[in-house]
C-alpha atoms as a PDB file:
ATOM      1  CA  MET A   1      13.600 -92.327 189.609  1.00  0.00           C
ATOM      2  CA  ASP A   2      17.139 -91.884 190.964  1.00  0.00           C
ATOM      3  CA  LEU A   3      17.441 -88.303 192.107  1.00  0.00           C
ATOM      4  CA  TRP A   4      20.886 -88.062 190.563  1.00  0.00           C
ATOM      5  CA  GLN A   5      19.065 -88.309 187.257  1.00  0.00           C
ATOM      6  CA  THR A   6      17.377 -84.963 187.896  1.00  0.00           C
ATOM      7  CA  GLU A   7      19.450 -82.465 185.997  1.00  0.00           C
ATOM      8  CA  GLU A   8      18.561 -79.570 188.280  1.00  0.00           C
ATOM      9  CA  LEU A   9      19.788 -81.211 191.485  1.00  0.00           C
ATOM     10  CA  GLY A  10      22.952 -82.428 189.797  1.00  0.00           C
ATOM     11  CA  ALA A  11      23.693 -78.882 188.631  1.00  0.00           C
ATOM     12  CA  GLU A  12      23.084 -77.472 192.110  1.00  0.00           C
ATOM     13  CA  VAL A  13      25.449 -79.976 193.682  1.00  0.00           C
ATOM     14  CA  THR A  14      28.138 -79.397 191.049  1.00  0.00           C
ATOM     15  CA  ARG A  15      27.869 -75.647 191.515  1.00  0.00           C
ATOM     16  CA  HIS A  16      28.326 -75.955 195.263  1.00  0.00           C
ATOM     17  CA  ARG A  17      31.246 -78.375 194.952  1.00  0.00           C
ATOM     18  CA  ARG A  18      33.051 -75.969 192.622  1.00  0.00           C
ATOM     19  CA  ALA A  19      32.470 -73.028 194.961  1.00  0.00           C
ATOM     20  CA  LEU A  20      33.823 -75.074 197.875  1.00  0.00           C
ATOM     21  CA  ALA A  21      36.864 -76.180 195.875  1.00  0.00           C
ATOM     22  CA  ASP A  22      37.717 -72.592 194.962  1.00  0.00           C
ATOM     23  CA  PHE A  23      37.402 -71.509 198.580  1.00  0.00           C
ATOM     24  CA  THR A  24      39.651 -74.358 199.693  1.00  0.00           C
ATOM     25  CA  ALA A  25      42.259 -73.491 197.072  1.00  0.00           C
ATOM     26  CA  THR A  26      42.274 -69.903 198.323  1.00  0.00           C
ATOM     27  CA  ALA A  27      42.455 -70.897 201.994  1.00  0.00           C
ATOM     28  CA  GLU A  28      45.423 -73.105 201.172  1.00  0.00           C
ATOM     29  CA  ARG A  29      47.246 -70.026 199.850  1.00  0.00           C
ATOM     30  CA  VAL A  30      46.942 -68.080 203.097  1.00  0.00           C
ATOM     31  CA  PRO A  31      50.410 -67.715 204.662  1.00  0.00           C
ATOM     32  CA  ASP A  32      50.637 -68.798 208.281  1.00  0.00           C
ATOM     33  CA  ASP A  33      51.199 -65.219 209.388  1.00  0.00           C
ATOM     34  CA  ALA A  34      48.327 -63.772 207.320  1.00  0.00           C
ATOM     35  CA  TRP A  35      45.255 -65.000 209.167  1.00  0.00           C
ATOM     36  CA  GLY A  36      44.950 -61.686 210.984  1.00  0.00           C
ATOM     37  CA  ARG A  37      44.873 -59.584 207.829  1.00  0.00           C
ATOM     38  CA  PRO A  38      41.821 -57.402 207.209  1.00  0.00           C
ATOM     39  CA  THR A  39      39.263 -58.414 204.600  1.00  0.00           C
ATOM     40  CA  PRO A  40      36.685 -56.447 202.595  1.00  0.00           C
ATOM     41  CA  CYS A  41      34.185 -57.595 205.255  1.00  0.00           C
ATOM     42  CA  THR A  42      35.274 -54.925 207.718  1.00  0.00           C
ATOM     43  CA  GLU A  43      34.136 -56.811 210.807  1.00  0.00           C
ATOM     44  CA  TRP A  44      36.253 -59.907 210.008  1.00  0.00           C
ATOM     45  CA  ASP A  45      39.899 -60.648 209.510  1.00  0.00           C
ATOM     46  CA  ALA A  46      40.910 -63.606 207.323  1.00  0.00           C
ATOM     47  CA  ALA A  47      40.539 -66.146 210.128  1.00  0.00           C
ATOM     48  CA  GLU A  48      37.132 -64.831 211.147  1.00  0.00           C
ATOM     49  CA  LEU A  49      35.945 -64.866 207.539  1.00  0.00           C
ATOM     50  CA  VAL A  50      36.802 -68.563 207.258  1.00  0.00           C
ATOM     51  CA  GLU A  51      34.948 -69.168 210.511  1.00  0.00           C
ATOM     52  CA  HIS A  52      31.916 -67.422 209.006  1.00  0.00           C
ATOM     53  CA  VAL A  53      31.942 -69.724 205.970  1.00  0.00           C
ATOM     54  CA  ILE A  54      32.295 -72.684 208.324  1.00  0.00           C
ATOM     55  CA  GLY A  55      29.474 -71.391 210.497  1.00  0.00           C
ATOM     56  CA  ILE A  56      26.973 -70.724 207.751  1.00  0.00           C
ATOM     57  CA  HIS A  57      27.422 -74.246 206.398  1.00  0.00           C
ATOM     58  CA  GLU A  58      27.152 -75.643 209.901  1.00  0.00           C
ATOM     59  CA  PHE A  59      23.981 -73.690 210.605  1.00  0.00           C
ATOM     60  CA  LEU A  60      22.200 -74.118 207.265  1.00  0.00           C
ATOM     61  CA  LEU A  61      23.356 -77.527 206.076  1.00  0.00           C
ATOM     62  CA  LEU A  62      25.195 -79.746 208.535  1.00  0.00           C
ATOM     63  CA  ARG A  63      23.351 -79.209 211.800  1.00  0.00           C
ATOM     64  CA  PRO A  64      19.831 -79.652 210.386  1.00  0.00           C
ATOM     65  CA  LEU A  65      20.988 -82.992 208.977  1.00  0.00           C
ATOM     66  CA  ASP A  66      22.832 -84.003 212.165  1.00  0.00           C
ATOM     67  CA  VAL A  67      26.131 -84.256 210.279  1.00  0.00           C
ATOM     68  CA  HIS A  68      29.241 -83.660 212.377  1.00  0.00           C
ATOM     69  CA  ALA A  69      32.381 -82.105 210.915  1.00  0.00           C
ATOM     70  CA  HIS A  70      34.811 -83.232 213.679  1.00  0.00           C
ATOM     71  CA  ARG A  71      36.787 -80.020 213.397  1.00  0.00           C
ATOM     72  CA  PRO A  72      39.962 -79.432 215.413  1.00  0.00           C
ATOM     73  CA  ARG A  73      39.779 -76.599 217.908  1.00  0.00           C
ATOM     74  CA  GLU A  74      42.517 -74.583 216.215  1.00  0.00           C
ATOM     75  CA  GLY A  75      43.846 -73.903 212.739  1.00  0.00           C
ATOM     76  CA  GLN A  76      41.502 -72.271 210.255  1.00  0.00           C
ATOM     77  CA  LEU A  77      42.649 -74.341 207.299  1.00  0.00           C
ATOM     78  CA  ALA A  78      42.291 -77.623 209.188  1.00  0.00           C
ATOM     79  CA  ARG A  79      38.902 -76.534 210.507  1.00  0.00           C
ATOM     80  CA  TRP A  80      37.745 -75.649 206.997  1.00  0.00           C
ATOM     81  CA  ARG A  81      39.003 -78.911 205.497  1.00  0.00           C
ATOM     82  CA  ALA A  82      37.078 -80.896 208.110  1.00  0.00           C
ATOM     83  CA  THR A  83      33.979 -78.851 207.302  1.00  0.00           C
ATOM     84  CA  GLU A  84      34.390 -79.406 203.569  1.00  0.00           C
ATOM     85  CA  ARG A  85      34.658 -83.171 204.105  1.00  0.00           C
ATOM     86  CA  ALA A  86      31.427 -83.138 206.094  1.00  0.00           C
ATOM     87  CA  ILE A  87      29.682 -81.067 203.428  1.00  0.00           C
ATOM     88  CA  GLY A  88      30.888 -83.578 200.858  1.00  0.00           C
ATOM     89  CA  THR A  89      29.076 -86.399 202.647  1.00  0.00           C
ATOM     90  CA  VAL A  90      25.858 -84.394 202.355  1.00  0.00           C
ATOM     91  CA  LEU A  91      26.394 -83.580 198.686  1.00  0.00           C
ATOM     92  CA  ASP A  92      27.014 -87.267 198.013  1.00  0.00           C
ATOM     93  CA  ASP A  93      23.509 -88.128 199.237  1.00  0.00           C
ATOM     94  CA  PRO A  94      20.821 -86.739 196.906  1.00  0.00           C
ATOM     95  CA  ARG A  95      17.953 -88.244 198.857  1.00  0.00           C
ATOM     96  CA  THR A  96      19.022 -86.413 202.004  1.00  0.00           C
ATOM     97  CA  LEU A  97      19.306 -83.163 200.063  1.00  0.00           C
ATOM     98  CA  ASP A  98      15.758 -83.589 198.815  1.00  0.00           C
ATOM     99  CA  THR A  99      14.202 -84.610 202.155  1.00  0.00           C
ATOM    100  CA  ALA A 100      12.748 -81.942 204.457  1.00  0.00           C
ATOM    101  CA  ALA A 101      14.703 -81.240 207.646  1.00  0.00           C
ATOM    102  CA  ASP A 102      13.958 -79.128 210.715  1.00  0.00           C
ATOM    103  CA  TYR A 103      15.511 -75.644 210.741  1.00  0.00           C
ATOM    104  CA  PHE A 104      16.268 -73.046 213.406  1.00  0.00           C
ATOM    105  CA  ASP A 105      13.110 -71.037 212.698  1.00  0.00           C
ATOM    106  CA  GLY A 106      10.812 -74.012 213.159  1.00  0.00           C
ATOM    107  CA  ALA A 107      10.296 -74.497 209.439  1.00  0.00           C
ATOM    108  CA  ARG A 108      10.975 -77.695 207.519  1.00  0.00           C
ATOM    109  CA  ARG A 109      12.990 -77.282 204.328  1.00  0.00           C
ATOM    110  CA  ARG A 110      14.716 -79.455 201.805  1.00  0.00           C
ATOM    111  CA  PRO A 111      18.459 -78.718 202.178  1.00  0.00           C
ATOM    112  CA  ARG A 112      18.778 -78.409 198.410  1.00  0.00           C
ATOM    113  CA  GLU A 113      16.735 -75.190 198.640  1.00  0.00           C
ATOM    114  CA  LEU A 114      19.698 -73.534 200.358  1.00  0.00           C
ATOM    115  CA  LEU A 115      22.476 -74.794 198.092  1.00  0.00           C
ATOM    116  CA  ALA A 116      22.412 -71.834 195.717  1.00  0.00           C
ATOM    117  CA  ALA A 117      22.577 -69.291 198.536  1.00  0.00           C
ATOM    118  CA  LEU A 118      25.431 -71.189 200.175  1.00  0.00           C
ATOM    119  CA  ALA A 119      27.320 -71.427 196.888  1.00  0.00           C
ATOM    120  CA  ASN A 120      26.869 -67.703 196.233  1.00  0.00           C
ATOM    121  CA  ASP A 121      28.041 -66.811 199.734  1.00  0.00           C
ATOM    122  CA  THR A 122      31.093 -69.010 199.284  1.00  0.00           C
ATOM    123  CA  VAL A 123      31.948 -67.502 195.886  1.00  0.00           C
ATOM    124  CA  VAL A 124      31.908 -63.951 197.241  1.00  0.00           C
ATOM    125  CA  HIS A 125      33.829 -64.844 200.383  1.00  0.00           C
ATOM    126  CA  THR A 126      36.426 -66.574 198.229  1.00  0.00           C
ATOM    127  CA  TRP A 127      37.062 -63.188 196.637  1.00  0.00           C
ATOM    128  CA  ASP A 128      37.141 -61.542 200.071  1.00  0.00           C
ATOM    129  CA  LEU A 129      39.746 -63.985 201.340  1.00  0.00           C
ATOM    130  CA  ALA A 130      41.813 -63.886 198.173  1.00  0.00           C
ATOM    131  CA  ARG A 131      41.903 -60.109 198.093  1.00  0.00           C
ATOM    132  CA  ALA A 132      42.882 -60.000 201.786  1.00  0.00           C
ATOM    133  CA  VAL A 133      45.941 -62.226 201.331  1.00  0.00           C
ATOM    134  CA  GLY A 134      46.949 -61.443 197.759  1.00  0.00           C
ATOM    135  CA  ALA A 135      45.816 -64.740 196.233  1.00  0.00           C
ATOM    136  CA  PRO A 136      44.263 -65.039 192.743  1.00  0.00           C
ATOM    137  CA  ASP A 137      40.858 -63.391 193.010  1.00  0.00           C
ATOM    138  CA  ARG A 138      38.976 -64.207 189.825  1.00  0.00           C
ATOM    139  CA  PRO A 139      36.185 -66.702 190.601  1.00  0.00           C
ATOM    140  CA  ALA A 140      34.830 -68.700 187.683  1.00  0.00           C
ATOM    141  CA  VAL A 141      32.784 -66.505 185.365  1.00  0.00           C
ATOM    142  CA  ASP A 142      29.815 -68.870 185.324  1.00  0.00           C
ATOM    143  CA  LEU A 143      29.675 -69.009 189.132  1.00  0.00           C
ATOM    144  CA  CYS A 144      29.770 -65.209 189.236  1.00  0.00           C
ATOM    145  CA  ALA A 145      27.004 -65.036 186.631  1.00  0.00           C
ATOM    146  CA  LEU A 146      24.751 -67.326 188.644  1.00  0.00           C
ATOM    147  CA  ALA A 147      25.464 -65.385 191.829  1.00  0.00           C
ATOM    148  CA  TYR A 148      24.802 -62.069 190.059  1.00  0.00           C
ATOM    149  CA  THR A 149      21.469 -63.267 188.696  1.00  0.00           C
ATOM    150  CA  ASP A 150      20.424 -64.428 192.163  1.00  0.00           C
ATOM    151  CA  ALA A 151      21.618 -61.183 193.755  1.00  0.00           C
ATOM    152  CA  LEU A 152      19.599 -59.084 191.322  1.00  0.00           C
ATOM    153  CA  ARG A 153      16.521 -61.148 192.098  1.00  0.00           C
ATOM    154  CA  GLN A 154      17.003 -60.597 195.836  1.00  0.00           C
ATOM    155  CA  THR A 155      17.761 -56.867 195.802  1.00  0.00           C
ATOM    156  CA  ALA A 156      14.596 -55.862 197.626  1.00  0.00           C
ATOM    157  CA  GLY A 157      15.228 -58.329 200.436  1.00  0.00           C
ATOM    158  CA  ARG A 158      18.801 -57.090 200.953  1.00  0.00           C
ATOM    159  CA  GLN A 159      17.647 -53.483 201.157  1.00  0.00           C
ATOM    160  CA  THR A 160      15.374 -54.292 204.102  1.00  0.00           C
ATOM    161  CA  SER A 161      17.904 -56.479 205.923  1.00  0.00           C
ATOM    162  CA  ASP A 162      20.724 -55.406 208.226  1.00  0.00           C
ATOM    163  CA  LEU A 163      22.731 -58.496 207.251  1.00  0.00           C
ATOM    164  CA  PHE A 164      24.107 -56.963 204.060  1.00  0.00           C
ATOM    165  CA  ALA A 165      26.333 -53.986 203.337  1.00  0.00           C
ATOM    166  CA  THR A 166      25.007 -51.130 201.247  1.00  0.00           C
ATOM    167  CA  ALA A 167      25.606 -51.608 197.530  1.00  0.00           C
ATOM    168  CA  VAL A 168      28.656 -49.870 196.045  1.00  0.00           C
ATOM    169  CA  ALA A 169      28.174 -48.024 192.760  1.00  0.00           C
ATOM    170  CA  VAL A 170      29.924 -49.841 189.921  1.00  0.00           C
ATOM    171  CA  SER A 171      29.788 -48.975 186.223  1.00  0.00           C
ATOM    172  CA  PRO A 172      27.247 -51.044 184.274  1.00  0.00           C
ATOM    173  CA  GLU A 173      30.091 -51.588 181.807  1.00  0.00           C
ATOM    174  CA  ALA A 174      32.334 -53.112 184.486  1.00  0.00           C
ATOM    175  CA  PRO A 175      33.227 -56.808 184.395  1.00  0.00           C
ATOM    176  CA  LEU A 176      30.535 -59.096 185.750  1.00  0.00           C
ATOM    177  CA  GLN A 177      32.590 -59.939 188.843  1.00  0.00           C
ATOM    178  CA  ASP A 178      32.901 -56.258 189.738  1.00  0.00           C
ATOM    179  CA  ARG A 179      29.173 -55.705 189.279  1.00  0.00           C
ATOM    180  CA  LEU A 180      28.449 -58.664 191.552  1.00  0.00           C
ATOM    181  CA  LEU A 181      30.827 -57.341 194.205  1.00  0.00           C
ATOM    182  CA  GLY A 182      29.345 -53.855 194.060  1.00  0.00           C
ATOM    183  CA  LEU A 183      25.826 -55.188 194.323  1.00  0.00           C
ATOM    184  CA  LEU A 184      26.848 -57.058 197.477  1.00  0.00           C
ATOM    185  CA  GLY A 185      28.453 -54.031 199.094  1.00  0.00           C
ATOM    186  CA  ARG A 186      32.089 -54.455 198.109  1.00  0.00           C
ATOM    187  CA  ASP A 187      34.438 -52.058 196.378  1.00  0.00           C
ATOM    188  CA  PRO A 188      36.056 -54.122 193.600  1.00  0.00           C
ATOM    189  CA  ALA A 189      39.188 -51.975 193.963  1.00  0.00           C
ATOM    190  CA  TRP A 190      39.590 -52.775 197.667  1.00  0.00           C
ATOM    191  CA  ARG A 191      43.035 -53.746 198.864  1.00  0.00           C
ATOM    192  CA  PRO A 192      44.397 -54.123 202.399  1.00  0.00           C
ATOM    193  CA  ALA A 193      46.020 -50.893 203.527  1.00  0.00           C
ATOM    194  CA  ARG A 194      49.476 -52.440 203.248  1.00  0.00           C
ATOM    195  CA  ASP A 195      48.842 -53.107 199.546  1.00  0.00           C
ATOM    196  CA  ALA A 196      47.301 -49.746 198.718  1.00  0.00           C
ATOM    197  CA  PRO A 197      49.120 -48.049 195.813  1.00  0.00           C
ATOM    198  CA  PRO A 198      50.927 -44.806 196.700  1.00  0.00           C
ATOM    199  CA  THR A 199      48.993 -41.595 196.010  1.00  0.00           C
END
């Protein structure tokens, strides 16, 4: 049976494409002089955050499949666009997504097993980038809902990992996006210092 006929894989691919498109739209709104602005990820400015999203896709999707992005050496937007094109070639090939590949830890995995995590990471970093540069910062509600469900399921793993920030307390009555951000260690009210309202 054609793998594109499997509803689950089609949904995973669509979800990832939408997350990528939103990230691209946000990156395209970054003014040329704004790449050094701070982001809610305190260790990264806007340029470094884009490099992280590039890197995680390179490490978890492109490199295991020997797909090359042909990125320019400079220019975060150009580097991201080249990465997105390379990711697109992978998402266009369902059989590759469903075939085990060798990963950095010696394990063999089907790349599709990582699509949800990559989509979730991209959704949250889209908010990070948007908030840093003053772009629209309301990811699609359904993408947030999927990411929130996954984040709740993985709470125990985050608590024992040093890869994630400590959760920020957010009202259970807060909008879903804010609850997702808090769960993943972000203050939904964060603004760059230059945009902070006067006290």
